[in-house]
Amino acid sequence: MSKIVRYVSFLLLLLTSDWLKSQQFIQLNPPDLTRGRATMQALSLRASATQFDTTMLSLQDLSDVLWAANGINRPASGKRTSPSAMNAQDIDIYTFIRSGVYLYNPQKHALELVVNNDYRRVFLRDEKSPLPPVILLLVSDISRFRTQDDSLKMMWGAMDAGIVSENISVFCASENLATRPRASMNQKKLRELLNLKDSQYLMLNHPVSYKKNIGN
């Protein structure tokens, strides 16, 4: 039965894969607010994955993990699913997929192209490791904090990245997706690739995939 389900899922993905092609703007689906396990059950299942499937996430799954991470849940005020110090909203999410690198725009709930081509391997030490379909990079722009104390800005940026990271982890546990928070990455290459400002700091990255089928 599981093979049939995976085959049907693959066919559906082929039919809806136009969004995977490199384009300047990818409009994400509205978040599905009815999905997922209860909070306590999701917390009991949260774990850092060590293996990742290579199948691309559906557009709905990608849309929902980004909204859960740092989307707007109160449109009237523009406030987010993830709190931030002084509501600075300092965390930006760069989404690495096969077709390119995209910046998540919470106001439009959309992905905006930053760089064409596949740069997911920048995050991996082993050149032969299979690539997870999505890697989310959390970047804090500390210039958005209304204080002159740089050490405080850095602490707040790290704190805010940790909160977004936990949102990703709990959503993935709720939806039986694989993820893990990682601090290791090639900071120099990524800064050059994304043309980051001096005030932007790379905090964490999250590979995200479906659970890898380890059974026979």
C-alpha atoms as a PDB file:
ATOM      1  CA  MET A   1       0.000   0.000   0.000  1.00  0.00           C
ATOM      2  CA  SER A   2       2.805   2.426   0.868  1.00  0.00           C
ATOM      3  CA  LYS A   3       4.333   1.892  -2.599  1.00  0.00           C
ATOM      4  CA  ILE A   4       0.996   2.774  -4.216  1.00  0.00           C
ATOM      5  CA  VAL A   5       0.695   5.933  -2.119  1.00  0.00           C
ATOM      6  CA  ARG A   6       4.235   7.016  -3.037  1.00  0.00           C
ATOM      7  CA  TYR A   7       3.575   6.309  -6.730  1.00  0.00           C
ATOM      8  CA  VAL A   8       0.368   8.362  -6.709  1.00  0.00           C
ATOM      9  CA  SER A   9       2.179  11.162  -4.874  1.00  0.00           C
ATOM     10  CA  PHE A  10       4.908  11.086  -7.508  1.00  0.00           C
ATOM     11  CA  LEU A  11       2.359  11.373 -10.329  1.00  0.00           C
ATOM     12  CA  LEU A  12       0.677  14.304  -8.606  1.00  0.00           C
ATOM     13  CA  LEU A  13       4.047  15.975  -8.197  1.00  0.00           C
ATOM     14  CA  LEU A  14       4.758  15.606 -11.912  1.00  0.00           C
ATOM     15  CA  LEU A  15       1.424  17.207 -12.737  1.00  0.00           C
ATOM     16  CA  THR A  16       2.085  20.187 -10.487  1.00  0.00           C
ATOM     17  CA  SER A  17       5.846  20.611 -10.955  1.00  0.00           C
ATOM     18  CA  ASP A  18       5.819  23.807 -13.058  1.00  0.00           C
ATOM     19  CA  TRP A  19       6.598  25.809  -9.936  1.00  0.00           C
ATOM     20  CA  LEU A  20       9.906  23.931  -9.641  1.00  0.00           C
ATOM     21  CA  LYS A  21      11.216  25.563 -12.800  1.00  0.00           C
ATOM     22  CA  SER A  22      13.417  28.599 -12.257  1.00  0.00           C
ATOM     23  CA  GLN A  23      11.243  31.701 -12.110  1.00  0.00           C
ATOM     24  CA  GLN A  24      11.489  35.134 -10.549  1.00  0.00           C
ATOM     25  CA  PHE A  25       8.467  34.753  -8.289  1.00  0.00           C
ATOM     26  CA  ILE A  26       6.752  31.698  -6.817  1.00  0.00           C
ATOM     27  CA  GLN A  27       3.366  32.361  -5.268  1.00  0.00           C
ATOM     28  CA  LEU A  28       2.915  29.976  -2.371  1.00  0.00           C
ATOM     29  CA  ASN A  29      -0.374  28.356  -1.423  1.00  0.00           C
ATOM     30  CA  PRO A  30      -2.403  29.750   1.487  1.00  0.00           C
ATOM     31  CA  PRO A  31      -1.507  27.902   4.707  1.00  0.00           C
ATOM     32  CA  ASP A  32      -3.658  24.893   5.520  1.00  0.00           C
ATOM     33  CA  LEU A  33      -4.684  25.701   9.085  1.00  0.00           C
ATOM     34  CA  THR A  34      -6.541  22.419   9.566  1.00  0.00           C
ATOM     35  CA  ARG A  35      -3.604  20.052   9.088  1.00  0.00           C
ATOM     36  CA  GLY A  36      -1.193  18.489  11.542  1.00  0.00           C
ATOM     37  CA  ARG A  37      -1.036  16.655  14.842  1.00  0.00           C
ATOM     38  CA  ALA A  38      -1.913  18.124  18.222  1.00  0.00           C
ATOM     39  CA  THR A  39       0.845  20.281  19.734  1.00  0.00           C
ATOM     40  CA  MET A  40       1.772  17.896  22.535  1.00  0.00           C
ATOM     41  CA  GLN A  41       1.951  14.948  20.167  1.00  0.00           C
ATOM     42  CA  ALA A  42       4.140  16.927  17.755  1.00  0.00           C
ATOM     43  CA  LEU A  43       6.482  17.867  20.600  1.00  0.00           C
ATOM     44  CA  SER A  44       6.720  14.231  21.648  1.00  0.00           C
ATOM     45  CA  LEU A  45       7.792  13.332  18.092  1.00  0.00           C
ATOM     46  CA  ARG A  46      10.284  16.151  17.525  1.00  0.00           C
ATOM     47  CA  ALA A  47      13.710  14.784  16.632  1.00  0.00           C
ATOM     48  CA  SER A  48      16.747  15.808  14.599  1.00  0.00           C
ATOM     49  CA  ALA A  49      16.868  13.675  11.457  1.00  0.00           C
ATOM     50  CA  THR A  50      20.099  12.135  10.206  1.00  0.00           C
ATOM     51  CA  GLN A  51      18.801  10.927   6.829  1.00  0.00           C
ATOM     52  CA  PHE A  52      16.796  12.789   4.206  1.00  0.00           C
ATOM     53  CA  ASP A  53      14.718  11.705   1.243  1.00  0.00           C
ATOM     54  CA  THR A  54      15.506  13.429  -2.069  1.00  0.00           C
ATOM     55  CA  THR A  55      11.902  13.772  -3.307  1.00  0.00           C
ATOM     56  CA  MET A  56      10.894  17.409  -3.707  1.00  0.00           C
ATOM     57  CA  LEU A  57       8.282  18.685  -1.276  1.00  0.00           C
ATOM     58  CA  SER A  58       4.878  19.498  -2.679  1.00  0.00           C
ATOM     59  CA  LEU A  59       4.087  23.190  -3.094  1.00  0.00           C
ATOM     60  CA  GLN A  60       1.607  22.948  -0.209  1.00  0.00           C
ATOM     61  CA  ASP A  61       4.161  21.394   2.127  1.00  0.00           C
ATOM     62  CA  LEU A  62       6.761  24.024   1.256  1.00  0.00           C
ATOM     63  CA  SER A  63       4.157  26.775   1.628  1.00  0.00           C
ATOM     64  CA  ASP A  64       3.109  25.534   5.042  1.00  0.00           C
ATOM     65  CA  VAL A  65       6.582  25.002   6.490  1.00  0.00           C
ATOM     66  CA  LEU A  66       7.553  28.557   5.510  1.00  0.00           C
ATOM     67  CA  TRP A  67       4.366  30.024   6.958  1.00  0.00           C
ATOM     68  CA  ALA A  68       4.823  28.007  10.145  1.00  0.00           C
ATOM     69  CA  ALA A  69       8.432  29.184  10.357  1.00  0.00           C
ATOM     70  CA  ASN A  70       7.842  32.919  10.096  1.00  0.00           C
ATOM     71  CA  GLY A  71       4.662  33.709   8.203  1.00  0.00           C
ATOM     72  CA  ILE A  72       2.136  36.424   8.973  1.00  0.00           C
ATOM     73  CA  ASN A  73      -0.648  35.100  11.205  1.00  0.00           C
ATOM     74  CA  ARG A  74      -2.243  38.475  12.035  1.00  0.00           C
ATOM     75  CA  PRO A  75      -2.620  40.363   8.752  1.00  0.00           C
ATOM     76  CA  ALA A  76      -4.003  43.520  10.373  1.00  0.00           C
ATOM     77  CA  SER A  77      -0.769  44.092  12.291  1.00  0.00           C
ATOM     78  CA  GLY A  78       1.646  42.141  10.081  1.00  0.00           C
ATOM     79  CA  LYS A  79       2.836  40.129  13.067  1.00  0.00           C
ATOM     80  CA  ARG A  80       4.343  36.695  12.635  1.00  0.00           C
ATOM     81  CA  THR A  81       3.981  33.104  13.744  1.00  0.00           C
ATOM     82  CA  SER A  82       7.413  33.583  15.315  1.00  0.00           C
ATOM     83  CA  PRO A  83       7.961  36.357  17.891  1.00  0.00           C
ATOM     84  CA  SER A  84      11.035  38.579  17.623  1.00  0.00           C
ATOM     85  CA  ALA A  85      12.739  40.960  20.026  1.00  0.00           C
ATOM     86  CA  MET A  86      11.009  44.364  19.907  1.00  0.00           C
ATOM     87  CA  ASN A  87       8.993  42.946  16.965  1.00  0.00           C
ATOM     88  CA  ALA A  88      12.015  43.749  14.785  1.00  0.00           C
ATOM     89  CA  GLN A  89      11.196  40.846  12.435  1.00  0.00           C
ATOM     90  CA  ASP A  90      14.923  40.463  11.830  1.00  0.00           C
ATOM     91  CA  ILE A  91      14.902  36.890  10.519  1.00  0.00           C
ATOM     92  CA  ASP A  92      14.926  36.326   6.754  1.00  0.00           C
ATOM     93  CA  ILE A  93      14.541  32.829   5.332  1.00  0.00           C
ATOM     94  CA  TYR A  94      16.519  31.952   2.206  1.00  0.00           C
ATOM     95  CA  THR A  95      15.096  28.851   0.553  1.00  0.00           C
ATOM     96  CA  PHE A  96      17.522  26.649  -1.379  1.00  0.00           C
ATOM     97  CA  ILE A  97      15.910  24.301  -3.900  1.00  0.00           C
ATOM     98  CA  ARG A  98      17.042  22.687  -7.144  1.00  0.00           C
ATOM     99  CA  SER A  99      16.104  25.632  -9.370  1.00  0.00           C
ATOM    100  CA  GLY A 100      17.734  28.355  -7.286  1.00  0.00           C
ATOM    101  CA  VAL A 101      17.852  30.341  -4.068  1.00  0.00           C
ATOM    102  CA  TYR A 102      14.729  32.244  -3.055  1.00  0.00           C
ATOM    103  CA  LEU A 103      13.961  34.743  -0.315  1.00  0.00           C
ATOM    104  CA  TYR A 104      10.707  34.134   1.540  1.00  0.00           C
ATOM    105  CA  ASN A 105       8.481  37.231   1.449  1.00  0.00           C
ATOM    106  CA  PRO A 106       6.001  36.905   4.352  1.00  0.00           C
ATOM    107  CA  GLN A 107       3.912  39.895   3.219  1.00  0.00           C
ATOM    108  CA  LYS A 108       3.187  38.253  -0.130  1.00  0.00           C
ATOM    109  CA  HIS A 109       3.595  34.677   1.172  1.00  0.00           C
ATOM    110  CA  ALA A 110       5.806  34.089  -1.831  1.00  0.00           C
ATOM    111  CA  LEU A 111       9.347  33.183  -2.842  1.00  0.00           C
ATOM    112  CA  GLU A 112      11.434  35.754  -4.710  1.00  0.00           C
ATOM    113  CA  LEU A 113      14.435  34.630  -6.740  1.00  0.00           C
ATOM    114  CA  VAL A 114      17.848  35.690  -5.431  1.00  0.00           C
ATOM    115  CA  VAL A 115      20.193  33.427  -7.416  1.00  0.00           C
ATOM    116  CA  ASN A 116      19.616  30.919 -10.213  1.00  0.00           C
ATOM    117  CA  ASN A 117      20.996  27.363 -10.075  1.00  0.00           C
ATOM    118  CA  ASP A 118      21.361  24.745  -7.384  1.00  0.00           C
ATOM    119  CA  TYR A 119      23.550  25.689  -4.411  1.00  0.00           C
ATOM    120  CA  ARG A 120      22.322  23.180  -1.839  1.00  0.00           C
ATOM    121  CA  ARG A 121      25.657  21.381  -1.796  1.00  0.00           C
ATOM    122  CA  VAL A 122      27.303  24.431  -0.177  1.00  0.00           C
ATOM    123  CA  PHE A 123      25.778  23.198   3.083  1.00  0.00           C
ATOM    124  CA  LEU A 124      27.165  19.653   2.877  1.00  0.00           C
ATOM    125  CA  ARG A 125      30.641  18.473   3.831  1.00  0.00           C
ATOM    126  CA  ASP A 126      30.420  15.188   1.937  1.00  0.00           C
ATOM    127  CA  GLU A 127      30.241  15.732  -1.833  1.00  0.00           C
ATOM    128  CA  LYS A 128      28.605  12.321  -2.267  1.00  0.00           C
ATOM    129  CA  SER A 129      25.805  12.873   0.238  1.00  0.00           C
ATOM    130  CA  PRO A 130      22.293  12.895  -1.278  1.00  0.00           C
ATOM    131  CA  LEU A 131      20.808  16.373  -1.381  1.00  0.00           C
ATOM    132  CA  PRO A 132      17.733  17.153   0.711  1.00  0.00           C
ATOM    133  CA  PRO A 133      15.145  18.830  -1.556  1.00  0.00           C
ATOM    134  CA  VAL A 134      14.888  21.989   0.556  1.00  0.00           C
ATOM    135  CA  ILE A 135      17.347  23.808   2.798  1.00  0.00           C
ATOM    136  CA  LEU A 136      16.094  26.798   4.776  1.00  0.00           C
ATOM    137  CA  LEU A 137      18.758  29.317   5.794  1.00  0.00           C
ATOM    138  CA  LEU A 138      17.919  31.642   8.695  1.00  0.00           C
ATOM    139  CA  VAL A 139      19.622  35.042   8.502  1.00  0.00           C
ATOM    140  CA  SER A 140      19.284  37.808  11.093  1.00  0.00           C
ATOM    141  CA  ASP A 141      19.579  41.430   9.985  1.00  0.00           C
ATOM    142  CA  ILE A 142      20.571  43.062  13.263  1.00  0.00           C
ATOM    143  CA  SER A 143      20.211  46.577  11.804  1.00  0.00           C
ATOM    144  CA  ARG A 144      16.458  46.195  12.357  1.00  0.00           C
ATOM    145  CA  PHE A 145      16.882  46.324  16.137  1.00  0.00           C
ATOM    146  CA  ARG A 146      16.307  49.738  17.699  1.00  0.00           C
ATOM    147  CA  THR A 147      19.380  49.759  19.927  1.00  0.00           C
ATOM    148  CA  GLN A 148      23.022  50.766  19.552  1.00  0.00           C
ATOM    149  CA  ASP A 149      24.323  47.874  21.665  1.00  0.00           C
ATOM    150  CA  ASP A 150      25.876  45.428  19.159  1.00  0.00           C
ATOM    151  CA  SER A 151      26.270  42.609  21.689  1.00  0.00           C
ATOM    152  CA  LEU A 152      22.579  42.879  22.525  1.00  0.00           C
ATOM    153  CA  LYS A 153      21.686  42.851  18.828  1.00  0.00           C
ATOM    154  CA  MET A 154      23.655  39.643  18.304  1.00  0.00           C
ATOM    155  CA  MET A 155      22.015  37.984  21.286  1.00  0.00           C
ATOM    156  CA  TRP A 156      18.553  38.971  20.093  1.00  0.00           C
ATOM    157  CA  GLY A 157      19.304  37.798  16.547  1.00  0.00           C
ATOM    158  CA  ALA A 158      20.439  34.391  17.787  1.00  0.00           C
ATOM    159  CA  MET A 159      17.405  34.138  20.047  1.00  0.00           C
ATOM    160  CA  ASP A 160      14.996  35.002  17.224  1.00  0.00           C
ATOM    161  CA  ALA A 161      16.638  32.486  14.880  1.00  0.00           C
ATOM    162  CA  GLY A 162      16.229  29.812  17.541  1.00  0.00           C
ATOM    163  CA  ILE A 163      12.508  30.519  17.803  1.00  0.00           C
ATOM    164  CA  VAL A 164      12.019  30.277  14.029  1.00  0.00           C
ATOM    165  CA  SER A 165      14.073  27.074  14.069  1.00  0.00           C
ATOM    166  CA  GLU A 166      11.792  25.520  16.668  1.00  0.00           C
ATOM    167  CA  ASN A 167       8.716  26.475  14.630  1.00  0.00           C
ATOM    168  CA  ILE A 168      10.217  24.568  11.696  1.00  0.00           C
ATOM    169  CA  SER A 169      11.055  21.561  13.865  1.00  0.00           C
ATOM    170  CA  VAL A 170       7.619  21.335  15.474  1.00  0.00           C
ATOM    171  CA  PHE A 171       5.826  21.720  12.133  1.00  0.00           C
ATOM    172  CA  CYS A 172       7.953  18.958  10.618  1.00  0.00           C
ATOM    173  CA  ALA A 173       7.246  16.677  13.585  1.00  0.00           C
ATOM    174  CA  SER A 174       3.548  17.405  13.209  1.00  0.00           C
ATOM    175  CA  GLU A 175       3.612  16.500   9.506  1.00  0.00           C
ATOM    176  CA  ASN A 176       6.022  13.542   9.622  1.00  0.00           C
ATOM    177  CA  LEU A 177       8.719  15.486   7.764  1.00  0.00           C
ATOM    178  CA  ALA A 178      12.445  15.204   8.426  1.00  0.00           C
ATOM    179  CA  THR A 179      14.547  18.166   9.545  1.00  0.00           C
ATOM    180  CA  ARG A 180      17.343  19.170  11.878  1.00  0.00           C
ATOM    181  CA  PRO A 181      18.763  22.561  12.925  1.00  0.00           C
ATOM    182  CA  ARG A 182      22.375  22.988  11.812  1.00  0.00           C
ATOM    183  CA  ALA A 183      24.917  25.720  12.538  1.00  0.00           C
ATOM    184  CA  SER A 184      27.635  24.305  10.261  1.00  0.00           C
ATOM    185  CA  MET A 185      27.808  25.884   6.800  1.00  0.00           C
ATOM    186  CA  ASN A 186      30.278  27.614   4.505  1.00  0.00           C
ATOM    187  CA  GLN A 187      29.706  31.139   5.773  1.00  0.00           C
ATOM    188  CA  LYS A 188      32.125  32.803   3.346  1.00  0.00           C
ATOM    189  CA  LYS A 189      30.627  31.214   0.226  1.00  0.00           C
ATOM    190  CA  LEU A 190      27.077  31.884   1.354  1.00  0.00           C
ATOM    191  CA  ARG A 191      27.747  35.527   2.187  1.00  0.00           C
ATOM    192  CA  GLU A 192      29.250  36.047  -1.274  1.00  0.00           C
ATOM    193  CA  LEU A 193      26.492  34.109  -3.020  1.00  0.00           C
ATOM    194  CA  LEU A 194      23.673  36.036  -1.338  1.00  0.00           C
ATOM    195  CA  ASN A 195      25.501  39.380  -1.377  1.00  0.00           C
ATOM    196  CA  LEU A 196      24.680  39.927   2.287  1.00  0.00           C
ATOM    197  CA  LYS A 197      25.170  43.217   4.108  1.00  0.00           C
ATOM    198  CA  ASP A 198      27.542  43.520   7.053  1.00  0.00           C
ATOM    199  CA  SER A 199      24.510  43.644   9.356  1.00  0.00           C
ATOM    200  CA  GLN A 200      23.203  40.261   8.143  1.00  0.00           C
ATOM    201  CA  TYR A 201      24.355  37.191  10.063  1.00  0.00           C
ATOM    202  CA  LEU A 202      23.918  33.546   9.064  1.00  0.00           C
ATOM    203  CA  MET A 203      22.484  31.811  12.106  1.00  0.00           C
ATOM    204  CA  LEU A 204      21.091  28.345  11.331  1.00  0.00           C
ATOM    205  CA  ASN A 205      20.042  26.160   8.437  1.00  0.00           C
ATOM    206  CA  HIS A 206      17.394  23.444   8.214  1.00  0.00           C
ATOM    207  CA  PRO A 207      17.389  20.681   5.602  1.00  0.00           C
ATOM    208  CA  VAL A 208      13.765  19.597   5.128  1.00  0.00           C
ATOM    209  CA  SER A 209      12.464  16.477   3.399  1.00  0.00           C
ATOM    210  CA  TYR A 210       9.977  13.676   3.596  1.00  0.00           C
ATOM    211  CA  LYS A 211      10.956  10.879   5.963  1.00  0.00           C
ATOM    212  CA  LYS A 212      13.413   8.535   4.279  1.00  0.00           C
ATOM    213  CA  ASN A 213      12.056   5.025   3.796  1.00  0.00           C
ATOM    214  CA  ILE A 214      14.744   2.873   5.420  1.00  0.00           C
ATOM    215  CA  GLY A 215      12.767  -0.374   5.276  1.00  0.00           C
ATOM    216  CA  ASN A 216      13.008  -3.056   2.617  1.00  0.00           C
END
